[in-house]
PDB file of N, CA and C in Angstrom:
ATOM      1  N   UNK A   1     -10.127  10.933  -1.636  1.00  0.00           N
ATOM      2  CA  UNK A   1     -10.895  10.121  -0.732  1.00  0.00           C
ATOM      3  C   UNK A   1     -10.305   8.716  -0.721  1.00  0.00           C
ATOM      4  N   UNK A   2     -10.204   8.149   0.482  1.00  0.00           N
ATOM      5  CA  UNK A   2      -9.717   6.781   0.639  1.00  0.00           C
ATOM      6  C   UNK A   2     -10.863   5.806   0.453  1.00  0.00           C
ATOM      7  N   UNK A   3     -10.645   4.771  -0.332  1.00  0.00           N
ATOM      8  CA  UNK A   3     -11.647   3.721  -0.486  1.00  0.00           C
ATOM      9  C   UNK A   3     -10.957   2.369  -0.430  1.00  0.00           C
ATOM     10  N   UNK A   4     -11.731   1.338  -0.100  1.00  0.00           N
ATOM     11  CA  UNK A   4     -11.164  -0.008  -0.016  1.00  0.00           C
ATOM     12  C   UNK A   4     -11.268  -0.751  -1.336  1.00  0.00           C
ATOM     13  N   UNK A   5     -12.134  -0.293  -2.240  1.00  0.00           N
ATOM     14  CA  UNK A   5     -12.315  -0.973  -3.507  1.00  0.00           C
ATOM     15  C   UNK A   5     -13.221  -2.189  -3.416  1.00  0.00           C
ATOM     16  N   UNK A   6     -13.811  -2.431  -2.249  1.00  0.00           N
ATOM     17  CA  UNK A   6     -14.688  -3.583  -2.041  1.00  0.00           C
ATOM     18  C   UNK A   6     -16.132  -3.116  -1.940  1.00  0.00           C
ATOM     19  N   UNK A   7     -17.040  -3.970  -2.390  1.00  0.00           N
ATOM     20  CA  UNK A   7     -18.467  -3.682  -2.260  1.00  0.00           C
ATOM     21  C   UNK A   7     -19.094  -4.766  -1.412  1.00  0.00           C
ATOM     22  N   UNK A   8     -20.113  -4.388  -0.632  1.00  0.00           N
ATOM     23  CA  UNK A   8     -20.836  -5.354   0.179  1.00  0.00           C
ATOM     24  C   UNK A   8     -20.001  -5.891   1.326  1.00  0.00           C
ATOM     25  N   UNK A   9     -20.509  -6.924   1.982  1.00  0.00           N
ATOM     26  CA  UNK A   9     -19.783  -7.540   3.082  1.00  0.00           C
ATOM     27  C   UNK A   9     -19.930  -6.794   4.390  1.00  0.00           C
ATOM     28  N   UNK A  10     -19.129  -7.192   5.344  1.00  0.00           N
ATOM     29  CA  UNK A  10     -19.139  -6.623   6.681  1.00  0.00           C
ATOM     30  C   UNK A  10     -18.613  -5.192   6.652  1.00  0.00           C
ATOM     31  N   UNK A  11     -19.418  -4.207   7.076  1.00  0.00           N
ATOM     32  CA  UNK A  11     -18.955  -2.818   7.057  1.00  0.00           C
ATOM     33  C   UNK A  11     -17.704  -2.594   7.902  1.00  0.00           C
ATOM     34  N   UNK A  12     -17.585  -3.287   9.031  1.00  0.00           N
ATOM     35  CA  UNK A  12     -16.396  -3.121   9.875  1.00  0.00           C
ATOM     36  C   UNK A  12     -15.149  -3.574   9.131  1.00  0.00           C
ATOM     37  N   UNK A  13     -15.251  -4.672   8.418  1.00  0.00           N
ATOM     38  CA  UNK A  13     -14.105  -5.174   7.654  1.00  0.00           C
ATOM     39  C   UNK A  13     -13.742  -4.212   6.535  1.00  0.00           C
ATOM     40  N   UNK A  14     -14.716  -3.513   6.002  1.00  0.00           N
ATOM     41  CA  UNK A  14     -14.446  -2.557   4.929  1.00  0.00           C
ATOM     42  C   UNK A  14     -13.844  -1.263   5.450  1.00  0.00           C
ATOM     43  N   UNK A  15     -14.200  -0.847   6.658  1.00  0.00           N
ATOM     44  CA  UNK A  15     -13.725   0.439   7.169  1.00  0.00           C
ATOM     45  C   UNK A  15     -12.322   0.336   7.773  1.00  0.00           C
ATOM     46  N   UNK A  16     -11.921  -0.836   8.262  1.00  0.00           N
ATOM     47  CA  UNK A  16     -10.602  -0.969   8.885  1.00  0.00           C
ATOM     48  C   UNK A  16      -9.470  -0.510   7.971  1.00  0.00           C
ATOM     49  N   UNK A  17      -9.424  -0.944   6.709  1.00  0.00           N
ATOM     50  CA  UNK A  17      -8.323  -0.474   5.853  1.00  0.00           C
ATOM     51  C   UNK A  17      -8.324   1.043   5.659  1.00  0.00           C
ATOM     52  N   UNK A  18      -9.504   1.632   5.612  1.00  0.00           N
ATOM     53  CA  UNK A  18      -9.584   3.088   5.462  1.00  0.00           C
ATOM     54  C   UNK A  18      -8.991   3.764   6.697  1.00  0.00           C
ATOM     55  N   UNK A  19      -9.359   3.299   7.881  1.00  0.00           N
ATOM     56  CA  UNK A  19      -8.875   3.904   9.124  1.00  0.00           C
ATOM     57  C   UNK A  19      -7.391   3.656   9.348  1.00  0.00           C
ATOM     58  N   UNK A  20      -6.905   2.473   9.020  1.00  0.00           N
ATOM     59  CA  UNK A  20      -5.494   2.168   9.273  1.00  0.00           C
ATOM     60  C   UNK A  20      -4.564   2.855   8.284  1.00  0.00           C
ATOM     61  N   UNK A  21      -5.102   3.335   7.161  1.00  0.00           N
ATOM     62  CA  UNK A  21      -4.288   4.063   6.191  1.00  0.00           C
ATOM     63  C   UNK A  21      -4.466   5.576   6.294  1.00  0.00           C
ATOM     64  N   UNK A  22      -5.259   6.029   7.255  1.00  0.00           N
ATOM     65  CA  UNK A  22      -5.451   7.464   7.471  1.00  0.00           C
ATOM     66  C   UNK A  22      -4.369   7.981   8.411  1.00  0.00           C
ATOM     67  N   UNK A  23      -3.836   9.174   8.161  1.00  0.00           N
ATOM     68  CA  UNK A  23      -2.857   9.750   9.088  1.00  0.00           C
ATOM     69  C   UNK A  23      -3.507  10.045  10.448  1.00  0.00           C
ATOM     70  N   UNK A  24      -2.703  10.025  11.494  1.00  0.00           N
ATOM     71  CA  UNK A  24      -3.219  10.310  12.837  1.00  0.00           C
ATOM     72  C   UNK A  24      -3.960  11.637  12.875  1.00  0.00           C
ATOM     73  N   UNK A  25      -3.482  12.611  12.124  1.00  0.00           N
ATOM     74  CA  UNK A  25      -4.101  13.939  12.122  1.00  0.00           C
ATOM     75  C   UNK A  25      -5.546  13.876  11.620  1.00  0.00           C
ATOM     76  N   UNK A  26      -5.857  12.919  10.739  1.00  0.00           N
ATOM     77  CA  UNK A  26      -7.228  12.740  10.250  1.00  0.00           C
ATOM     78  C   UNK A  26      -8.020  11.764  11.113  1.00  0.00           C
ATOM     79  N   UNK A  27      -7.355  10.819  11.720  1.00  0.00           N
ATOM     80  CA  UNK A  27      -8.002   9.795  12.535  1.00  0.00           C
ATOM     81  C   UNK A  27      -8.408  10.327  13.915  1.00  0.00           C
ATOM     82  N   UNK A  28      -7.607  11.196  14.494  1.00  0.00           N
ATOM     83  CA  UNK A  28      -7.832  11.691  15.855  1.00  0.00           C
ATOM     84  C   UNK A  28      -9.224  12.295  16.071  1.00  0.00           C
ATOM     85  N   UNK A  29      -9.720  13.166  15.185  1.00  0.00           N
ATOM     86  CA  UNK A  29     -11.053  13.732  15.426  1.00  0.00           C
ATOM     87  C   UNK A  29     -12.162  12.677  15.501  1.00  0.00           C
ATOM     88  N   UNK A  30     -12.000  11.576  14.795  1.00  0.00           N
ATOM     89  CA  UNK A  30     -12.991  10.500  14.861  1.00  0.00           C
ATOM     90  C   UNK A  30     -13.021   9.854  16.241  1.00  0.00           C
ATOM     91  N   UNK A  31     -11.900   9.948  16.955  1.00  0.00           N
ATOM     92  CA  UNK A  31     -11.782   9.360  18.291  1.00  0.00           C
ATOM     93  C   UNK A  31     -11.953  10.405  19.385  1.00  0.00           C
ATOM     94  N   UNK A  32     -12.290  11.632  18.985  1.00  0.00           N
ATOM     95  CA  UNK A  32     -12.529  12.743  19.910  1.00  0.00           C
ATOM     96  C   UNK A  32     -11.301  13.088  20.750  1.00  0.00           C
ATOM     97  N   UNK A  33     -10.122  13.024  20.123  1.00  0.00           N
ATOM     98  CA  UNK A  33      -8.871  13.426  20.766  1.00  0.00           C
ATOM     99  C   UNK A  33      -8.071  14.255  19.767  1.00  0.00           C
ATOM    100  N   UNK A  34      -7.076  14.967  20.264  1.00  0.00           N
ATOM    101  CA  UNK A  34      -6.194  15.714  19.368  1.00  0.00           C
ATOM    102  C   UNK A  34      -5.197  14.740  18.740  1.00  0.00           C
ATOM    103  N   UNK A  35      -4.637  15.100  17.594  1.00  0.00           N
ATOM    104  CA  UNK A  35      -3.608  14.247  16.994  1.00  0.00           C
ATOM    105  C   UNK A  35      -2.435  14.002  17.945  1.00  0.00           C
ATOM    106  N   UNK A  36      -2.036  15.044  18.705  1.00  0.00           N
ATOM    107  CA  UNK A  36      -0.932  14.874  19.654  1.00  0.00           C
ATOM    108  C   UNK A  36      -1.291  13.892  20.767  1.00  0.00           C
ATOM    109  N   UNK A  37      -2.543  13.949  21.256  1.00  0.00           N
ATOM    110  CA  UNK A  37      -2.973  13.015  22.303  1.00  0.00           C
ATOM    111  C   UNK A  37      -3.010  11.586  21.770  1.00  0.00           C
ATOM    112  N   UNK A  38      -3.455  11.418  20.537  1.00  0.00           N
ATOM    113  CA  UNK A  38      -3.475  10.084  19.943  1.00  0.00           C
ATOM    114  C   UNK A  38      -2.056   9.547  19.804  1.00  0.00           C
ATOM    115  N   UNK A  39      -1.136  10.398  19.357  1.00  0.00           N
ATOM    116  CA  UNK A  39       0.268   9.993  19.262  1.00  0.00           C
ATOM    117  C   UNK A  39       0.841   9.638  20.623  1.00  0.00           C
ATOM    118  N   UNK A  40       0.504  10.440  21.638  1.00  0.00           N
ATOM    119  CA  UNK A  40       0.988  10.172  22.997  1.00  0.00           C
ATOM    120  C   UNK A  40       0.416   8.860  23.531  1.00  0.00           C
ATOM    121  N   UNK A  41      -0.843   8.597  23.249  1.00  0.00           N
ATOM    122  CA  UNK A  41      -1.479   7.346  23.690  1.00  0.00           C
ATOM    123  C   UNK A  41      -0.771   6.145  23.063  1.00  0.00           C
ATOM    124  N   UNK A  42      -0.476   6.245  21.775  1.00  0.00           N
ATOM    125  CA  UNK A  42       0.230   5.156  21.103  1.00  0.00           C
ATOM    126  C   UNK A  42       1.637   4.983  21.665  1.00  0.00           C
ATOM    127  N   UNK A  43       2.302   6.092  21.956  1.00  0.00           N
ATOM    128  CA  UNK A  43       3.648   6.039  22.538  1.00  0.00           C
ATOM    129  C   UNK A  43       3.603   5.358  23.907  1.00  0.00           C
ATOM    130  N   UNK A  44       2.607   5.714  24.733  1.00  0.00           N
ATOM    131  CA  UNK A  44       2.455   5.076  26.050  1.00  0.00           C
ATOM    132  C   UNK A  44       2.215   3.572  25.917  1.00  0.00           C
ATOM    133  N   UNK A  45       1.580   3.179  24.820  1.00  0.00           N
ATOM    134  CA  UNK A  45       1.315   1.753  24.584  1.00  0.00           C
ATOM    135  C   UNK A  45       2.502   1.037  23.954  1.00  0.00           C
ATOM    136  N   UNK A  46       3.627   1.753  23.787  1.00  0.00           N
ATOM    137  CA  UNK A  46       4.852   1.115  23.317  1.00  0.00           C
ATOM    138  C   UNK A  46       5.150   1.254  21.837  1.00  0.00           C
ATOM    139  N   UNK A  47       4.371   2.058  21.125  1.00  0.00           N
ATOM    140  CA  UNK A  47       4.611   2.261  19.696  1.00  0.00           C
ATOM    141  C   UNK A  47       5.464   3.507  19.485  1.00  0.00           C
ATOM    142  N   UNK A  48       6.288   3.493  18.446  1.00  0.00           N
ATOM    143  CA  UNK A  48       7.114   4.651  18.133  1.00  0.00           C
ATOM    144  C   UNK A  48       6.383   5.515  17.108  1.00  0.00           C
ATOM    145  N   UNK A  49       6.012   6.717  17.526  1.00  0.00           N
ATOM    146  CA  UNK A  49       5.308   7.662  16.659  1.00  0.00           C
ATOM    147  C   UNK A  49       6.257   8.815  16.381  1.00  0.00           C
ATOM    148  N   UNK A  50       6.582   9.007  15.104  1.00  0.00           N
ATOM    149  CA  UNK A  50       7.484  10.089  14.721  1.00  0.00           C
ATOM    150  C   UNK A  50       6.747  11.368  14.372  1.00  0.00           C
ATOM    151  N   UNK A  51       5.504  11.237  13.908  1.00  0.00           N
ATOM    152  CA  UNK A  51       4.766  12.399  13.422  1.00  0.00           C
ATOM    153  C   UNK A  51       3.281  12.077  13.374  1.00  0.00           C
ATOM    154  N   UNK A  52       2.449  13.092  13.548  1.00  0.00           N
ATOM    155  CA  UNK A  52       1.005  12.886  13.441  1.00  0.00           C
ATOM    156  C   UNK A  52       0.566  12.727  11.986  1.00  0.00           C
ATOM    157  N   UNK A  53       1.490  12.864  11.055  1.00  0.00           N
ATOM    158  CA  UNK A  53       1.158  12.617   9.645  1.00  0.00           C
ATOM    159  C   UNK A  53       1.341  11.141   9.281  1.00  0.00           C
ATOM    160  N   UNK A  54       1.819  10.334  10.231  1.00  0.00           N
ATOM    161  CA  UNK A  54       1.981   8.894   9.994  1.00  0.00           C
ATOM    162  C   UNK A  54       0.637   8.183  10.107  1.00  0.00           C
ATOM    163  N   UNK A  55       0.541   7.049   9.434  1.00  0.00           N
ATOM    164  CA  UNK A  55      -0.659   6.214   9.513  1.00  0.00           C
ATOM    165  C   UNK A  55      -0.454   5.113  10.553  1.00  0.00           C
ATOM    166  N   UNK A  56      -1.557   4.511  10.982  1.00  0.00           N
ATOM    167  CA  UNK A  56      -1.449   3.371  11.900  1.00  0.00           C
ATOM    168  C   UNK A  56      -0.680   2.238  11.245  1.00  0.00           C
ATOM    169  N   UNK A  57      -0.837   2.084   9.948  1.00  0.00           N
ATOM    170  CA  UNK A  57      -0.118   1.041   9.220  1.00  0.00           C
ATOM    171  C   UNK A  57       1.393   1.252   9.336  1.00  0.00           C
ATOM    172  N   UNK A  58       1.847   2.483   9.172  1.00  0.00           N
ATOM    173  CA  UNK A  58       3.281   2.785   9.284  1.00  0.00           C
ATOM    174  C   UNK A  58       3.780   2.562  10.706  1.00  0.00           C
ATOM    175  N   UNK A  59       3.006   3.024  11.679  1.00  0.00           N
ATOM    176  CA  UNK A  59       3.393   2.894  13.090  1.00  0.00           C
ATOM    177  C   UNK A  59       3.430   1.419  13.493  1.00  0.00           C
ATOM    178  N   UNK A  60       2.422   0.666  13.088  1.00  0.00           N
ATOM    179  CA  UNK A  60       2.345  -0.757  13.438  1.00  0.00           C
ATOM    180  C   UNK A  60       3.470  -1.553  12.804  1.00  0.00           C
ATOM    181  N   UNK A  61       3.784  -1.268  11.552  1.00  0.00           N
ATOM    182  CA  UNK A  61       4.809  -2.066  10.863  1.00  0.00           C
ATOM    183  C   UNK A  61       6.175  -1.915  11.522  1.00  0.00           C
ATOM    184  N   UNK A  62       6.464  -0.750  12.083  1.00  0.00           N
ATOM    185  CA  UNK A  62       7.731  -0.561  12.809  1.00  0.00           C
ATOM    186  C   UNK A  62       7.794  -1.426  14.058  1.00  0.00           C
ATOM    187  N   UNK A  63       6.626  -1.739  14.613  1.00  0.00           N
ATOM    188  CA  UNK A  63       6.559  -2.510  15.857  1.00  0.00           C
ATOM    189  C   UNK A  63       6.316  -3.988  15.621  1.00  0.00           C
ATOM    190  N   UNK A  64       6.218  -4.386  14.366  1.00  0.00           N
ATOM    191  CA  UNK A  64       5.944  -5.786  14.073  1.00  0.00           C
ATOM    192  C   UNK A  64       4.530  -6.199  14.430  1.00  0.00           C
ATOM    193  N   UNK A  65       3.618  -5.247  14.463  1.00  0.00           N
ATOM    194  CA  UNK A  65       2.211  -5.510  14.790  1.00  0.00           C
ATOM    195  C   UNK A  65       1.361  -5.260  13.552  1.00  0.00           C
ATOM    196  N   UNK A  66       0.130  -5.740  13.595  1.00  0.00           N
ATOM    197  CA  UNK A  66      -0.786  -5.434  12.495  1.00  0.00           C
ATOM    198  C   UNK A  66      -1.478  -4.107  12.794  1.00  0.00           C
ATOM    199  N   UNK A  67      -1.769  -3.370  11.742  1.00  0.00           N
ATOM    200  CA  UNK A  67      -2.448  -2.088  11.906  1.00  0.00           C
ATOM    201  C   UNK A  67      -3.833  -2.281  12.519  1.00  0.00           C
ATOM    202  N   UNK A  68      -4.490  -3.388  12.210  1.00  0.00           N
ATOM    203  CA  UNK A  68      -5.811  -3.668  12.786  1.00  0.00           C
ATOM    204  C   UNK A  68      -5.728  -3.843  14.295  1.00  0.00           C
ATOM    205  N   UNK A  69      -4.669  -4.498  14.784  1.00  0.00           N
ATOM    206  CA  UNK A  69      -4.485  -4.654  16.231  1.00  0.00           C
ATOM    207  C   UNK A  69      -4.302  -3.300  16.905  1.00  0.00           C
ATOM    208  N   UNK A  70      -3.536  -2.416  16.271  1.00  0.00           N
ATOM    209  CA  UNK A  70      -3.315  -1.080  16.830  1.00  0.00           C
ATOM    210  C   UNK A  70      -4.631  -0.309  16.836  1.00  0.00           C
ATOM    211  N   UNK A  71      -5.386  -0.398  15.758  1.00  0.00           N
ATOM    212  CA  UNK A  71      -6.674   0.293  15.684  1.00  0.00           C
ATOM    213  C   UNK A  71      -7.614  -0.194  16.780  1.00  0.00           C
ATOM    214  N   UNK A  72      -7.701  -1.502  16.966  1.00  0.00           N
ATOM    215  CA  UNK A  72      -8.566  -2.043  18.020  1.00  0.00           C
ATOM    216  C   UNK A  72      -8.146  -1.546  19.395  1.00  0.00           C
ATOM    217  N   UNK A  73      -6.851  -1.352  19.586  1.00  0.00           N
ATOM    218  CA  UNK A  73      -6.340  -0.885  20.879  1.00  0.00           C
ATOM    219  C   UNK A  73      -6.760   0.557  21.170  1.00  0.00           C
ATOM    220  N   UNK A  74      -6.851   1.396  20.131  1.00  0.00           N
ATOM    221  CA  UNK A  74      -7.162   2.810  20.366  1.00  0.00           C
ATOM    222  C   UNK A  74      -8.646   3.133  20.255  1.00  0.00           C
ATOM    223  N   UNK A  75      -9.445   2.211  19.714  1.00  0.00           N
ATOM    224  CA  UNK A  75     -10.879   2.468  19.619  1.00  0.00           C
ATOM    225  C   UNK A  75     -11.499   2.457  21.009  1.00  0.00           C
ATOM    226  N   UNK A  76     -12.512   3.304  21.233  1.00  0.00           N
ATOM    227  CA  UNK A  76     -13.198   3.285  22.531  1.00  0.00           C
ATOM    228  C   UNK A  76     -13.811   1.917  22.777  1.00  0.00           C
ATOM    229  N   UNK A  77     -13.730   1.466  24.005  1.00  0.00           N
ATOM    230  CA  UNK A  77     -14.276   0.163  24.377  1.00  0.00           C
ATOM    231  C   UNK A  77     -15.667   0.357  24.964  1.00  0.00           C
ATOM    232  N   UNK A  78     -16.632  -0.353  24.424  1.00  0.00           N
ATOM    233  CA  UNK A  78     -18.009  -0.290  24.911  1.00  0.00           C
ATOM    234  C   UNK A  78     -18.415  -1.681  25.351  1.00  0.00           C
ATOM    235  N   UNK A  79     -19.129  -1.748  26.471  1.00  0.00           N
ATOM    236  CA  UNK A  79     -19.550  -3.056  26.971  1.00  0.00           C
ATOM    237  C   UNK A  79     -21.064  -3.194  26.866  1.00  0.00           C
ATOM    238  N   UNK A  80     -21.506  -3.759  25.777  1.00  0.00           N
ATOM    239  CA  UNK A  80     -22.922  -4.070  25.595  1.00  0.00           C
ATOM    240  C   UNK A  80     -23.832  -2.877  25.725  1.00  0.00           C
ATOM    241  N   UNK A  81     -24.889  -3.031  26.509  1.00  0.00           N
ATOM    242  CA  UNK A  81     -25.904  -1.990  26.652  1.00  0.00           C
ATOM    243  C   UNK A  81     -25.558  -0.966  27.713  1.00  0.00           C
ATOM    244  N   UNK A  82     -24.391  -1.060  28.310  1.00  0.00           N
ATOM    245  CA  UNK A  82     -24.004  -0.109  29.345  1.00  0.00           C
ATOM    246  C   UNK A  82     -23.482   1.195  28.773  1.00  0.00           C
ATOM    247  N   UNK A  83     -23.403   1.292  27.442  1.00  0.00           N
ATOM    248  CA  UNK A  83     -22.893   2.501  26.806  1.00  0.00           C
ATOM    249  C   UNK A  83     -23.888   3.638  26.999  1.00  0.00           C
ATOM    250  N   UNK A  84     -23.417   4.758  27.513  1.00  0.00           N
ATOM    251  CA  UNK A  84     -24.279   5.912  27.746  1.00  0.00           C
ATOM    252  C   UNK A  84     -23.657   7.135  27.107  1.00  0.00           C
ATOM    253  N   UNK A  85     -24.499   7.959  26.544  1.00  0.00           N
ATOM    254  CA  UNK A  85     -24.062   9.238  26.003  1.00  0.00           C
ATOM    255  C   UNK A  85     -24.366  10.301  27.042  1.00  0.00           C
ATOM    256  N   UNK A  86     -23.424  11.202  27.254  1.00  0.00           N
ATOM    257  CA  UNK A  86     -23.613  12.219  28.278  1.00  0.00           C
ATOM    258  C   UNK A  86     -24.730  13.189  27.921  1.00  0.00           C
ATOM    259  N   UNK A  87     -25.044  13.340  26.626  1.00  0.00           N
ATOM    260  CA  UNK A  87     -26.060  14.305  26.238  1.00  0.00           C
ATOM    261  C   UNK A  87     -27.459  13.687  26.151  1.00  0.00           C
ATOM    262  N   UNK A  88     -27.600  12.413  26.475  1.00  0.00           N
ATOM    263  CA  UNK A  88     -28.901  11.751  26.422  1.00  0.00           C
ATOM    264  C   UNK A  88     -29.484  11.714  27.826  1.00  0.00           C
ATOM    265  N   UNK A  89     -30.697  12.236  27.957  1.00  0.00           N
ATOM    266  CA  UNK A  89     -31.365  12.263  29.256  1.00  0.00           C
ATOM    267  C   UNK A  89     -32.222  11.010  29.409  1.00  0.00           C
ATOM    268  N   UNK A  90     -32.171  10.363  30.590  1.00  0.00           N
ATOM    269  CA  UNK A  90     -33.018   9.185  30.797  1.00  0.00           C
ATOM    270  C   UNK A  90     -34.488   9.575  30.738  1.00  0.00           C
ATOM    271  N   UNK A  91     -35.339   8.668  30.226  1.00  0.00           N
ATOM    272  CA  UNK A  91     -36.770   8.989  30.154  1.00  0.00           C
ATOM    273  C   UNK A  91     -37.539   8.381  31.292  1.00  0.00           C
TER     274      UNK A  91
END
């Protein structure tokens, strides 16, 4: 299990190192895409992906970017209260 070794604080700040050190093959299901689609998305964004076993940290370092910047780029973007789930019925 991956851990950051930190207790307390901002949960987002604690989870970023865990996500950026996870291989694409483990990260992709969290983003509801296949590992190959995640790799293709990163490639389209200009990153060199050699394998779905690579981490965002490895991919970012080859590009001179921070792994956190790459993670923010691939996370789903939500705009305030406009976020809707397809399985939630309006009341």
